[in-house]
C-alpha cells in the first residue's frame, strides 16, 4: 500500500494494519499524524523541552510495541494521549525534574486567563503558576483547557472519574486565578484529592507495569 493510500485510512485501520504486521509502515503514518500534538501535550505536562521529547519518543516506542493492547474502546488519539501523559509523569517521578522553570514552557497559552491579561509579565506569571501546580491538576488543565478534550475523554486519558477531572481543573484554575490578582504569588495549589499522587494515566506504562484502563 502506498503512502497516499495510507493517508486515506483512519487511525484504527492503521493500527490494525500495524498489529497484522506491515513492517511499521502504518504506524509511521500514525506517528506523522499525531507527533506534533503529542509533543505539545508532553511539553505542557513536563514544562521541559528535552524531557518532553524523551517522553514522546518513549511513548511512541511503547505504543509501537504494545499496539495489540488497543481494544478499540476509545479513539486511537485518546489511547495515545494516555500513553504520552503516562510517560511524562513517569519521567518526572523517575528523574525528579524541577518543573518550575517558566522559560522552558515554550508557546504555552491559557486562553481564558491569558486573553484577559495580555501583558508579557502576566503571561510569564501564568506560566510559572502552571509549572507549580501538582502534576494531576496540571495534566487535567493541559488536556481540557489547552487541548480542548471533553471532560469525559480527559477522564479516560487520566484513568479517573469525570468528577475528579472537573475537580482538578477547578482547583487548578482557582490557583492560577489567585496569582493573577494584584499582589498574587505563584504558590503551589493545595490538593485534597486522594488520587492526585497516584499514577492517573491508566495505561501499560513504559516500565512494563499495567494499570487499569477505565475511568474510576
N, C-alpha and C. Protein backbone atom coordinates (compact mmCIF):
# COMPACT_ATOMS: atom_id res chain seq x y z
N UNK A 1 0.85 -1.19 0.00
CA UNK A 1 0.00 0.00 0.00
C UNK A 1 0.88 1.24 0.00
N UNK A 2 0.56 2.20 -0.84
CA UNK A 2 1.37 3.41 -0.97
C UNK A 2 1.11 4.36 0.19
N UNK A 3 2.00 5.34 0.33
CA UNK A 3 1.83 6.35 1.38
C UNK A 3 0.53 7.11 1.18
N UNK A 4 0.16 7.36 -0.08
CA UNK A 4 -1.09 8.06 -0.37
C UNK A 4 -2.29 7.25 0.08
N UNK A 5 -2.24 5.94 -0.14
CA UNK A 5 -3.33 5.08 0.29
C UNK A 5 -3.45 5.05 1.81
N UNK A 6 -2.31 5.04 2.50
CA UNK A 6 -2.33 5.03 3.96
C UNK A 6 -3.00 6.28 4.51
N UNK A 7 -2.82 7.38 3.83
CA UNK A 7 -3.41 8.64 4.30
C UNK A 7 -4.93 8.60 4.27
N UNK A 8 -5.49 7.69 3.48
CA UNK A 8 -6.95 7.57 3.39
C UNK A 8 -7.53 6.71 4.51
N UNK A 9 -6.68 5.99 5.24
CA UNK A 9 -7.15 5.12 6.31
C UNK A 9 -7.31 5.91 7.61
N UNK A 10 -8.30 5.54 8.42
CA UNK A 10 -8.43 6.18 9.72
C UNK A 10 -7.42 5.58 10.69
N UNK A 11 -7.34 6.18 11.87
CA UNK A 11 -6.33 5.76 12.84
C UNK A 11 -6.48 4.30 13.25
N UNK A 12 -7.71 3.87 13.48
CA UNK A 12 -7.95 2.50 13.92
C UNK A 12 -7.52 1.50 12.84
N UNK A 13 -7.79 1.83 11.58
CA UNK A 13 -7.39 0.94 10.49
C UNK A 13 -5.87 0.87 10.39
N UNK A 14 -5.20 1.99 10.59
CA UNK A 14 -3.74 2.00 10.57
C UNK A 14 -3.18 1.13 11.68
N UNK A 15 -3.74 1.26 12.86
CA UNK A 15 -3.25 0.47 13.98
C UNK A 15 -3.49 -1.02 13.75
N UNK A 16 -4.63 -1.35 13.15
CA UNK A 16 -4.93 -2.75 12.84
C UNK A 16 -3.93 -3.32 11.84
N UNK A 17 -3.56 -2.52 10.83
CA UNK A 17 -2.57 -2.97 9.86
C UNK A 17 -1.22 -3.19 10.54
N UNK A 18 -0.88 -2.31 11.45
CA UNK A 18 0.39 -2.46 12.18
C UNK A 18 0.39 -3.75 12.98
N UNK A 19 -0.70 -4.01 13.70
CA UNK A 19 -0.79 -5.24 14.51
C UNK A 19 -0.72 -6.47 13.63
N UNK A 20 -1.30 -6.37 12.42
CA UNK A 20 -1.28 -7.50 11.49
C UNK A 20 0.12 -7.76 10.94
N UNK A 21 1.01 -6.78 11.07
CA UNK A 21 2.39 -6.98 10.67
C UNK A 21 2.72 -6.41 9.30
N UNK A 22 2.83 -5.10 9.21
CA UNK A 22 3.17 -4.50 7.92
C UNK A 22 4.55 -3.85 7.94
N UNK A 23 5.36 -4.24 8.93
CA UNK A 23 6.71 -3.71 8.99
C UNK A 23 6.82 -2.31 9.52
N UNK A 24 5.78 -1.82 10.17
CA UNK A 24 5.83 -0.50 10.78
C UNK A 24 5.42 0.64 9.88
N UNK A 25 5.00 0.33 8.64
CA UNK A 25 4.65 1.39 7.70
C UNK A 25 3.42 2.15 8.18
N UNK A 26 2.38 1.43 8.58
CA UNK A 26 1.15 2.08 9.03
C UNK A 26 1.39 2.86 10.32
N UNK A 27 2.21 2.32 11.20
CA UNK A 27 2.49 3.04 12.43
C UNK A 27 3.25 4.33 12.15
N UNK A 28 4.09 4.30 11.14
CA UNK A 28 4.79 5.51 10.73
C UNK A 28 3.83 6.62 10.34
N UNK A 29 2.73 6.26 9.69
CA UNK A 29 1.72 7.25 9.32
C UNK A 29 1.02 7.78 10.57
N UNK A 30 0.75 6.91 11.54
CA UNK A 30 0.16 7.35 12.80
C UNK A 30 1.09 8.35 13.51
N UNK A 31 2.37 8.02 13.51
CA UNK A 31 3.35 8.90 14.14
C UNK A 31 3.37 10.26 13.45
N UNK A 32 3.35 10.25 12.13
CA UNK A 32 3.38 11.51 11.37
C UNK A 32 2.16 12.37 11.71
N UNK A 33 0.99 11.71 11.82
CA UNK A 33 -0.25 12.45 12.08
C UNK A 33 -0.27 13.11 13.46
N UNK A 34 0.27 12.43 14.45
CA UNK A 34 0.00 12.84 15.83
C UNK A 34 1.22 13.28 16.63
N UNK A 35 2.42 13.23 16.06
CA UNK A 35 3.61 13.54 16.84
C UNK A 35 3.61 14.97 17.37
N UNK A 36 3.18 15.93 16.54
CA UNK A 36 3.24 17.33 16.98
C UNK A 36 2.29 17.59 18.14
N UNK A 37 1.06 17.07 18.02
CA UNK A 37 0.09 17.26 19.11
C UNK A 37 0.56 16.57 20.38
N UNK A 38 1.13 15.37 20.25
CA UNK A 38 1.58 14.64 21.43
C UNK A 38 2.79 15.34 22.08
N UNK A 39 3.64 15.95 21.25
CA UNK A 39 4.75 16.71 21.80
C UNK A 39 4.23 17.93 22.56
N UNK A 40 3.21 18.60 22.02
CA UNK A 40 2.63 19.75 22.72
C UNK A 40 2.06 19.34 24.07
N UNK A 41 1.38 18.20 24.11
CA UNK A 41 0.86 17.69 25.38
C UNK A 41 2.01 17.42 26.35
N UNK A 42 3.06 16.78 25.85
CA UNK A 42 4.20 16.44 26.70
C UNK A 42 4.90 17.69 27.22
N UNK A 43 5.06 18.68 26.36
CA UNK A 43 5.75 19.91 26.76
C UNK A 43 4.98 20.63 27.85
N UNK A 44 3.67 20.70 27.70
CA UNK A 44 2.86 21.40 28.68
C UNK A 44 2.71 20.61 29.97
N UNK A 45 2.87 19.29 29.89
CA UNK A 45 2.78 18.47 31.09
C UNK A 45 4.09 18.50 31.87
N UNK A 46 5.22 18.50 31.17
CA UNK A 46 6.52 18.45 31.84
C UNK A 46 7.16 19.81 32.04
N UNK A 47 6.78 20.79 31.21
CA UNK A 47 7.39 22.12 31.23
C UNK A 47 8.89 22.07 30.94
N UNK A 48 9.32 21.10 30.16
CA UNK A 48 10.75 20.93 29.88
C UNK A 48 10.89 20.32 28.49
N UNK A 49 11.55 21.05 27.58
CA UNK A 49 11.61 20.62 26.18
C UNK A 49 12.30 19.27 26.01
N UNK A 50 13.45 19.11 26.63
CA UNK A 50 14.19 17.86 26.48
C UNK A 50 13.43 16.69 27.06
N UNK A 51 12.87 16.90 28.24
CA UNK A 51 12.09 15.85 28.88
C UNK A 51 10.87 15.48 28.05
N UNK A 52 10.21 16.49 27.49
CA UNK A 52 9.04 16.23 26.65
C UNK A 52 9.40 15.40 25.43
N UNK A 53 10.50 15.75 24.78
CA UNK A 53 10.93 15.00 23.60
C UNK A 53 11.24 13.55 23.96
N UNK A 54 11.92 13.34 25.08
CA UNK A 54 12.24 11.98 25.52
C UNK A 54 10.98 11.20 25.84
N UNK A 55 10.03 11.86 26.51
CA UNK A 55 8.78 11.19 26.89
C UNK A 55 7.98 10.79 25.66
N UNK A 56 7.92 11.67 24.64
CA UNK A 56 7.18 11.34 23.42
C UNK A 56 7.83 10.17 22.70
N UNK A 57 9.14 10.18 22.62
CA UNK A 57 9.84 9.06 21.97
C UNK A 57 9.56 7.76 22.71
N UNK A 58 9.65 7.81 24.03
CA UNK A 58 9.38 6.63 24.84
C UNK A 58 7.94 6.16 24.68
N UNK A 59 7.01 7.12 24.61
CA UNK A 59 5.59 6.78 24.49
C UNK A 59 5.29 6.12 23.15
N UNK A 60 5.84 6.65 22.06
CA UNK A 60 5.57 6.05 20.76
C UNK A 60 6.23 4.68 20.62
N UNK A 61 7.39 4.50 21.23
CA UNK A 61 8.01 3.17 21.23
C UNK A 61 7.12 2.19 21.98
N UNK A 62 6.59 2.64 23.14
CA UNK A 62 5.68 1.79 23.90
C UNK A 62 4.43 1.46 23.10
N UNK A 63 3.86 2.47 22.42
CA UNK A 63 2.67 2.23 21.61
C UNK A 63 2.97 1.27 20.46
N UNK A 64 4.12 1.41 19.84
CA UNK A 64 4.52 0.54 18.74
C UNK A 64 4.59 -0.92 19.21
N UNK A 65 5.18 -1.11 20.37
CA UNK A 65 5.38 -2.47 20.88
C UNK A 65 4.12 -3.07 21.47
N UNK A 66 3.22 -2.24 21.97
CA UNK A 66 2.05 -2.73 22.70
C UNK A 66 0.74 -2.47 21.95
N UNK A 67 0.84 -2.29 20.65
CA UNK A 67 -0.34 -1.93 19.86
C UNK A 67 -1.46 -2.96 19.99
N UNK A 68 -1.09 -4.22 20.20
CA UNK A 68 -2.13 -5.25 20.31
C UNK A 68 -2.99 -5.07 21.55
N UNK A 69 -2.51 -4.24 22.51
CA UNK A 69 -3.30 -3.98 23.72
C UNK A 69 -4.46 -3.03 23.44
N UNK A 70 -4.43 -2.34 22.30
CA UNK A 70 -5.53 -1.44 21.96
C UNK A 70 -6.77 -2.26 21.61
N UNK A 71 -7.87 -1.98 22.30
CA UNK A 71 -9.09 -2.78 22.15
C UNK A 71 -10.20 -2.03 21.42
N UNK A 72 -9.95 -0.80 21.02
CA UNK A 72 -10.97 -0.04 20.31
C UNK A 72 -12.05 0.53 21.19
N UNK A 73 -11.85 0.51 22.52
CA UNK A 73 -12.87 1.04 23.42
C UNK A 73 -12.85 2.56 23.46
N UNK A 74 -11.78 3.17 23.01
CA UNK A 74 -11.66 4.62 22.92
C UNK A 74 -10.97 4.94 21.61
N UNK A 75 -11.00 6.20 21.22
CA UNK A 75 -10.32 6.60 19.99
C UNK A 75 -8.83 6.35 20.11
N UNK A 76 -8.17 6.13 18.98
CA UNK A 76 -6.72 5.93 18.99
C UNK A 76 -6.02 7.14 19.59
N UNK A 77 -6.52 8.34 19.29
CA UNK A 77 -5.89 9.53 19.85
C UNK A 77 -6.01 9.57 21.38
N UNK A 78 -7.13 9.09 21.91
CA UNK A 78 -7.28 9.02 23.36
C UNK A 78 -6.27 8.05 23.94
N UNK A 79 -6.11 6.91 23.28
CA UNK A 79 -5.13 5.89 23.69
C UNK A 79 -3.72 6.47 23.67
N UNK A 80 -3.38 7.22 22.63
CA UNK A 80 -2.05 7.83 22.54
C UNK A 80 -1.86 8.90 23.61
N UNK A 81 -2.88 9.74 23.82
CA UNK A 81 -2.79 10.73 24.88
C UNK A 81 -2.47 10.06 26.21
N UNK A 82 -3.14 8.97 26.47
CA UNK A 82 -2.98 8.26 27.74
C UNK A 82 -1.54 7.78 27.91
N UNK A 83 -0.97 7.23 26.85
CA UNK A 83 0.39 6.71 26.91
C UNK A 83 1.40 7.86 27.07
N UNK A 84 1.16 8.96 26.36
CA UNK A 84 2.08 10.09 26.45
C UNK A 84 2.04 10.71 27.84
N UNK A 85 0.86 10.94 28.39
CA UNK A 85 0.76 11.52 29.73
C UNK A 85 1.42 10.59 30.74
N UNK A 86 1.20 9.30 30.59
CA UNK A 86 1.81 8.32 31.48
C UNK A 86 3.33 8.41 31.41
N UNK A 87 3.86 8.49 30.19
CA UNK A 87 5.31 8.58 30.02
C UNK A 87 5.87 9.85 30.65
N UNK A 88 5.15 10.95 30.50
CA UNK A 88 5.59 12.23 31.09
C UNK A 88 5.65 12.14 32.61
N UNK A 89 4.59 11.68 33.22
CA UNK A 89 4.55 11.62 34.67
C UNK A 89 5.56 10.60 35.20
N UNK A 90 5.75 9.52 34.46
CA UNK A 90 6.73 8.52 34.84
C UNK A 90 8.13 9.14 34.84
N UNK A 91 8.43 9.90 33.79
CA UNK A 91 9.74 10.56 33.69
C UNK A 91 9.93 11.57 34.81
N UNK A 92 8.91 12.36 35.08
CA UNK A 92 9.01 13.36 36.15
C UNK A 92 9.32 12.71 37.48
N UNK A 93 8.68 11.59 37.75
CA UNK A 93 8.91 10.92 39.03
C UNK A 93 10.28 10.26 39.08
N UNK A 94 10.67 9.61 37.97
CA UNK A 94 11.95 8.91 37.96
C UNK A 94 13.13 9.86 38.11
N UNK A 95 13.07 10.96 37.41
CA UNK A 95 14.22 11.84 37.34
C UNK A 95 14.12 13.03 38.27
N UNK A 96 12.97 13.16 38.95
CA UNK A 96 12.77 14.25 39.91
C UNK A 96 13.14 15.59 39.29
N UNK A 97 12.62 15.82 38.10
CA UNK A 97 12.91 17.05 37.39
C UNK A 97 12.11 18.20 37.98
N UNK A 98 12.73 19.33 38.18
CA UNK A 98 12.00 20.52 38.60
C UNK A 98 11.21 21.04 37.42
N UNK A 99 9.91 21.26 37.61
CA UNK A 99 9.07 21.76 36.53
C UNK A 99 8.70 23.22 36.78
N UNK A 100 9.50 23.91 37.55
CA UNK A 100 9.16 25.28 37.91
C UNK A 100 9.94 26.32 37.11
N UNK A 101 10.50 25.91 35.98
CA UNK A 101 11.26 26.85 35.17
C UNK A 101 10.37 27.37 34.05
N UNK A 102 9.86 28.56 34.22
CA UNK A 102 8.92 29.10 33.25
C UNK A 102 9.54 29.24 31.88
N UNK A 103 10.84 29.41 31.78
CA UNK A 103 11.47 29.62 30.49
C UNK A 103 11.38 28.44 29.56
N UNK A 104 11.11 27.24 30.07
CA UNK A 104 11.05 26.05 29.23
C UNK A 104 9.64 25.77 28.72
N UNK A 105 8.69 26.65 29.00
CA UNK A 105 7.31 26.34 28.67
C UNK A 105 6.95 26.64 27.22
N UNK A 106 7.86 27.20 26.46
CA UNK A 106 7.63 27.39 25.04
C UNK A 106 6.42 28.28 24.78
N UNK A 107 5.57 27.84 23.83
CA UNK A 107 4.44 28.67 23.39
C UNK A 107 3.19 28.39 24.19
N UNK A 108 3.37 28.12 25.48
CA UNK A 108 2.25 27.78 26.34
C UNK A 108 1.25 28.93 26.40
N UNK A 109 -0.04 28.58 26.36
CA UNK A 109 -1.06 29.61 26.43
C UNK A 109 -2.23 29.07 27.21
N UNK A 110 -2.83 29.89 28.03
CA UNK A 110 -4.03 29.52 28.76
C UNK A 110 -5.11 30.49 28.35
N UNK A 111 -5.93 30.13 27.36
CA UNK A 111 -6.80 31.12 26.71
C UNK A 111 -7.65 31.95 27.66
N UNK A 112 -8.44 31.33 28.54
CA UNK A 112 -9.40 32.08 29.34
C UNK A 112 -8.73 33.12 30.22
N UNK A 113 -7.60 32.75 30.82
CA UNK A 113 -6.93 33.67 31.72
C UNK A 113 -6.00 34.61 30.96
N UNK A 114 -5.23 34.06 30.06
CA UNK A 114 -4.22 34.86 29.38
C UNK A 114 -4.85 35.93 28.50
N UNK A 115 -5.98 35.64 27.88
CA UNK A 115 -6.61 36.61 26.99
C UNK A 115 -7.09 37.84 27.74
N UNK A 116 -7.42 37.69 29.00
CA UNK A 116 -7.89 38.83 29.79
C UNK A 116 -6.72 39.62 30.38
N UNK A 117 -5.55 39.06 30.35
CA UNK A 117 -4.38 39.70 30.95
C UNK A 117 -3.23 39.55 29.96
N UNK A 118 -3.21 40.42 28.96
CA UNK A 118 -2.35 40.19 27.81
C UNK A 118 -0.92 40.59 27.95
N UNK A 119 -0.51 41.18 29.07
CA UNK A 119 0.86 41.64 29.17
C UNK A 119 1.84 40.48 29.24
N UNK A 120 3.06 40.76 28.79
CA UNK A 120 4.12 39.74 28.84
C UNK A 120 4.38 39.31 30.27
N UNK A 121 4.37 40.28 31.18
CA UNK A 121 4.63 39.97 32.58
C UNK A 121 3.60 39.00 33.12
N UNK A 122 2.33 39.26 32.83
CA UNK A 122 1.27 38.38 33.32
C UNK A 122 1.38 37.00 32.70
N UNK A 123 1.72 36.96 31.41
CA UNK A 123 1.88 35.68 30.74
C UNK A 123 2.93 34.83 31.43
N UNK A 124 4.04 35.46 31.81
CA UNK A 124 5.10 34.73 32.49
C UNK A 124 4.64 34.23 33.86
N UNK A 125 3.84 35.06 34.55
CA UNK A 125 3.32 34.64 35.86
C UNK A 125 2.42 33.43 35.71
N UNK A 126 1.56 33.43 34.67
CA UNK A 126 0.68 32.30 34.43
C UNK A 126 1.50 31.04 34.16
N UNK A 127 2.55 31.18 33.37
CA UNK A 127 3.38 30.03 33.04
C UNK A 127 4.07 29.48 34.28
N UNK A 128 4.57 30.37 35.12
CA UNK A 128 5.20 29.93 36.36
C UNK A 128 4.19 29.22 37.24
N UNK A 129 2.99 29.79 37.34
CA UNK A 129 1.97 29.20 38.19
C UNK A 129 1.57 27.81 37.70
N UNK A 130 1.42 27.64 36.39
CA UNK A 130 1.08 26.34 35.85
C UNK A 130 2.15 25.31 36.19
N UNK A 131 3.42 25.72 36.08
CA UNK A 131 4.51 24.81 36.36
C UNK A 131 4.54 24.39 37.83
N UNK A 132 3.96 25.23 38.70
CA UNK A 132 3.95 24.93 40.13
C UNK A 132 2.77 24.07 40.57
N UNK A 133 1.81 23.87 39.70
CA UNK A 133 0.65 23.06 40.08
C UNK A 133 1.05 21.62 40.33
N UNK A 134 0.33 20.93 41.20
CA UNK A 134 0.53 19.49 41.33
C UNK A 134 0.33 18.80 39.98
N UNK A 135 1.04 17.71 39.76
CA UNK A 135 1.02 17.02 38.47
C UNK A 135 -0.39 16.72 38.00
N UNK A 136 -1.23 16.22 38.89
CA UNK A 136 -2.57 15.80 38.50
C UNK A 136 -3.40 16.98 38.00
N UNK A 137 -3.30 18.12 38.69
CA UNK A 137 -4.06 19.30 38.26
C UNK A 137 -3.52 19.82 36.94
N UNK A 138 -2.20 19.85 36.79
CA UNK A 138 -1.60 20.35 35.55
C UNK A 138 -2.02 19.49 34.38
N UNK A 139 -1.99 18.17 34.54
CA UNK A 139 -2.36 17.27 33.45
C UNK A 139 -3.81 17.50 33.03
N UNK A 140 -4.70 17.68 34.00
CA UNK A 140 -6.11 17.91 33.68
C UNK A 140 -6.29 19.22 32.92
N UNK A 141 -5.62 20.29 33.36
CA UNK A 141 -5.74 21.59 32.69
C UNK A 141 -5.17 21.53 31.28
N UNK A 142 -4.05 20.83 31.12
CA UNK A 142 -3.44 20.72 29.79
C UNK A 142 -4.41 20.06 28.82
N UNK A 143 -5.03 18.97 29.24
CA UNK A 143 -5.92 18.23 28.34
C UNK A 143 -7.22 18.99 28.07
N UNK A 144 -7.83 19.54 29.11
CA UNK A 144 -9.16 20.14 28.96
C UNK A 144 -9.08 21.58 28.46
N UNK A 145 -8.27 22.41 29.10
CA UNK A 145 -8.26 23.84 28.78
C UNK A 145 -7.35 24.18 27.61
N UNK A 146 -6.28 23.43 27.42
CA UNK A 146 -5.31 23.79 26.38
C UNK A 146 -5.46 22.97 25.11
N UNK A 147 -5.91 21.71 25.25
CA UNK A 147 -6.07 20.88 24.06
C UNK A 147 -7.52 20.58 23.74
N UNK A 148 -8.43 21.12 24.54
CA UNK A 148 -9.83 21.07 24.20
C UNK A 148 -10.50 19.71 24.28
N UNK A 149 -9.92 18.78 25.03
CA UNK A 149 -10.57 17.48 25.18
C UNK A 149 -11.83 17.63 26.04
N UNK A 150 -12.91 16.96 25.68
CA UNK A 150 -14.08 16.94 26.57
C UNK A 150 -13.69 16.30 27.90
N UNK A 151 -14.38 16.69 28.95
CA UNK A 151 -14.08 16.15 30.28
C UNK A 151 -14.15 14.63 30.26
N UNK A 152 -15.15 14.07 29.56
CA UNK A 152 -15.30 12.61 29.51
C UNK A 152 -14.07 11.94 28.90
N UNK A 153 -13.53 12.55 27.82
CA UNK A 153 -12.35 11.96 27.18
C UNK A 153 -11.12 12.14 28.05
N UNK A 154 -10.99 13.30 28.69
CA UNK A 154 -9.87 13.51 29.60
C UNK A 154 -9.90 12.51 30.75
N UNK A 155 -11.10 12.18 31.20
CA UNK A 155 -11.23 11.19 32.28
C UNK A 155 -10.71 9.82 31.83
N UNK A 156 -10.97 9.47 30.58
CA UNK A 156 -10.46 8.20 30.05
C UNK A 156 -8.94 8.26 29.97
N UNK A 157 -8.41 9.37 29.47
CA UNK A 157 -6.96 9.53 29.34
C UNK A 157 -6.28 9.39 30.70
N UNK A 158 -6.85 10.05 31.70
CA UNK A 158 -6.22 10.08 33.02
C UNK A 158 -6.61 8.89 33.90
N UNK A 159 -7.59 8.11 33.45
CA UNK A 159 -7.98 6.93 34.21
C UNK A 159 -8.69 7.24 35.51
N UNK A 160 -9.45 8.35 35.53
CA UNK A 160 -10.18 8.74 36.74
C UNK A 160 -11.62 9.08 36.37
N UNK A 161 -12.44 9.33 37.37
CA UNK A 161 -13.83 9.70 37.14
C UNK A 161 -13.93 11.11 36.57
N UNK A 162 -15.01 11.37 35.84
CA UNK A 162 -15.22 12.71 35.28
C UNK A 162 -15.24 13.78 36.38
N UNK A 163 -15.85 13.45 37.51
CA UNK A 163 -15.90 14.40 38.61
C UNK A 163 -14.51 14.76 39.13
N UNK A 164 -13.60 13.80 39.07
CA UNK A 164 -12.22 14.07 39.51
C UNK A 164 -11.54 15.03 38.56
N UNK A 165 -11.77 14.85 37.26
CA UNK A 165 -11.20 15.78 36.27
C UNK A 165 -11.73 17.18 36.51
N UNK A 166 -13.04 17.29 36.71
CA UNK A 166 -13.64 18.61 36.95
C UNK A 166 -13.05 19.25 38.21
N UNK A 167 -12.87 18.44 39.25
CA UNK A 167 -12.32 18.96 40.50
C UNK A 167 -10.88 19.44 40.30
N UNK A 168 -10.09 18.65 39.58
CA UNK A 168 -8.69 19.05 39.35
C UNK A 168 -8.62 20.32 38.51
N UNK A 169 -9.46 20.42 37.50
CA UNK A 169 -9.48 21.63 36.68
C UNK A 169 -9.91 22.83 37.51
N UNK A 170 -10.94 22.65 38.32
CA UNK A 170 -11.43 23.76 39.15
C UNK A 170 -10.34 24.26 40.08
N UNK A 171 -9.66 23.33 40.75
CA UNK A 171 -8.62 23.73 41.70
C UNK A 171 -7.44 24.38 40.98
N UNK A 172 -7.10 23.85 39.81
CA UNK A 172 -6.01 24.43 39.04
C UNK A 172 -6.33 25.82 38.56
N UNK A 173 -7.54 26.00 38.04
CA UNK A 173 -7.95 27.33 37.57
C UNK A 173 -8.00 28.33 38.73
N UNK A 174 -8.48 27.84 39.88
CA UNK A 174 -8.57 28.69 41.06
C UNK A 174 -7.17 29.17 41.47
N UNK A 175 -6.21 28.25 41.44
CA UNK A 175 -4.84 28.62 41.82
C UNK A 175 -4.25 29.62 40.83
N UNK A 176 -4.49 29.40 39.53
CA UNK A 176 -3.97 30.33 38.53
C UNK A 176 -4.63 31.70 38.65
N UNK A 177 -5.93 31.72 38.94
CA UNK A 177 -6.63 33.00 39.09
C UNK A 177 -6.08 33.77 40.29
N UNK A 178 -5.73 33.06 41.36
CA UNK A 178 -5.20 33.74 42.55
C UNK A 178 -3.93 34.50 42.23
N UNK A 179 -3.05 33.90 41.44
CA UNK A 179 -1.77 34.56 41.19
C UNK A 179 -1.91 35.72 40.23
N UNK A 180 -3.04 35.81 39.52
CA UNK A 180 -3.24 36.94 38.61
C UNK A 180 -3.88 38.14 39.30
N UNK A 181 -4.32 37.95 40.53
CA UNK A 181 -4.83 39.09 41.27
C UNK A 181 -3.67 39.99 41.69
N UNK A 182 -3.91 41.26 41.88
CA UNK A 182 -2.84 42.15 42.35
C UNK A 182 -2.20 41.62 43.61
N UNK A 183 -0.88 41.51 43.59
CA UNK A 183 -0.16 41.01 44.74
C UNK A 183 -0.16 39.51 44.87
N UNK A 184 -0.74 38.82 43.88
CA UNK A 184 -0.79 37.37 43.95
C UNK A 184 0.57 36.74 43.79
N UNK A 185 0.75 35.58 44.39
CA UNK A 185 2.02 34.85 44.31
C UNK A 185 1.79 33.51 43.65
N UNK A 186 2.78 33.08 42.89
CA UNK A 186 2.68 31.78 42.22
C UNK A 186 3.03 30.69 43.21
N UNK A 187 2.08 30.34 44.04
CA UNK A 187 2.31 29.32 45.05
C UNK A 187 1.68 28.03 44.61
N UNK A 188 2.19 26.93 45.12
CA UNK A 188 1.67 25.63 44.73
C UNK A 188 0.27 25.46 45.28
N UNK A 189 -0.64 25.04 44.41
CA UNK A 189 -2.03 24.88 44.81
C UNK A 189 -2.17 23.68 45.72
N UNK A 190 -2.93 23.82 46.83
CA UNK A 190 -3.17 22.67 47.70
C UNK A 190 -4.09 21.68 47.04
N UNK A 191 -4.04 20.47 47.47
CA UNK A 191 -4.95 19.46 46.93
C UNK A 191 -5.38 18.51 48.02
N UNK A 192 -6.67 18.21 48.06
CA UNK A 192 -7.15 17.18 48.97
C UNK A 192 -7.68 16.01 48.16
N UNK A 193 -7.27 15.92 46.90
CA UNK A 193 -7.67 14.82 46.03
C UNK A 193 -6.84 13.61 46.38
N UNK A 194 -7.43 12.56 46.98
CA UNK A 194 -6.65 11.40 47.42
C UNK A 194 -5.99 10.67 46.28
N UNK A 195 -6.47 10.88 45.04
CA UNK A 195 -5.87 10.17 43.91
C UNK A 195 -4.81 11.00 43.21
N UNK A 196 -4.55 12.22 43.68
CA UNK A 196 -3.66 13.12 42.96
C UNK A 196 -2.24 12.61 42.91
N UNK A 197 -1.81 11.85 43.92
CA UNK A 197 -0.44 11.36 43.92
C UNK A 197 -0.30 10.02 43.23
N UNK A 198 -1.42 9.42 42.87
CA UNK A 198 -1.36 8.13 42.20
C UNK A 198 -1.13 8.32 40.72
N UNK A 199 -0.65 7.27 40.06
CA UNK A 199 -0.45 7.33 38.62
C UNK A 199 -1.83 7.36 37.97
N UNK A 200 -2.23 8.49 37.33
CA UNK A 200 -3.61 8.64 36.87
C UNK A 200 -3.82 8.22 35.44
N UNK A 201 -2.82 7.64 34.81
CA UNK A 201 -2.91 7.54 33.36
C UNK A 201 -3.62 6.30 32.87
N UNK A 202 -3.63 5.23 33.64
CA UNK A 202 -4.42 4.07 33.29
C UNK A 202 -3.99 3.36 32.03
N UNK A 203 -2.67 3.23 31.79
CA UNK A 203 -2.20 2.51 30.61
C UNK A 203 -1.01 1.66 30.99
N UNK A 204 -0.67 0.68 30.14
CA UNK A 204 0.59 -0.02 30.37
C UNK A 204 1.72 0.99 30.25
N UNK A 205 2.44 1.22 31.35
CA UNK A 205 3.48 2.24 31.35
C UNK A 205 4.72 1.71 30.65
N UNK A 206 5.60 2.63 30.21
CA UNK A 206 6.81 2.20 29.52
C UNK A 206 7.69 1.28 30.36
N UNK A 207 7.58 1.34 31.71
CA UNK A 207 8.42 0.47 32.52
C UNK A 207 7.83 -0.93 32.68
N UNK A 208 6.70 -1.17 32.03
CA UNK A 208 6.18 -2.52 31.97
C UNK A 208 5.03 -2.81 32.92
N UNK A 209 4.73 -1.90 33.88
CA UNK A 209 3.64 -2.21 34.79
C UNK A 209 2.30 -1.96 34.08
N UNK A 210 1.27 -2.61 34.54
CA UNK A 210 -0.04 -2.48 33.91
C UNK A 210 -0.97 -1.77 34.86
N UNK A 211 -1.70 -0.79 34.34
CA UNK A 211 -2.65 -0.04 35.12
C UNK A 211 -4.05 -0.25 34.54
N UNK A 212 -5.10 -0.08 35.34
CA UNK A 212 -6.46 -0.21 34.80
C UNK A 212 -6.73 0.83 33.75
N UNK A 213 -7.49 0.48 32.71
CA UNK A 213 -7.70 1.37 31.60
C UNK A 213 -8.97 2.17 31.69
N UNK A 214 -9.91 1.82 32.54
CA UNK A 214 -11.16 2.54 32.59
C UNK A 214 -11.12 3.68 33.59
N UNK A 215 -12.08 4.58 33.49
CA UNK A 215 -12.20 5.64 34.48
C UNK A 215 -12.73 5.05 35.77
N UNK A 216 -12.21 5.53 36.92
CA UNK A 216 -12.66 5.00 38.19
C UNK A 216 -13.89 5.74 38.67
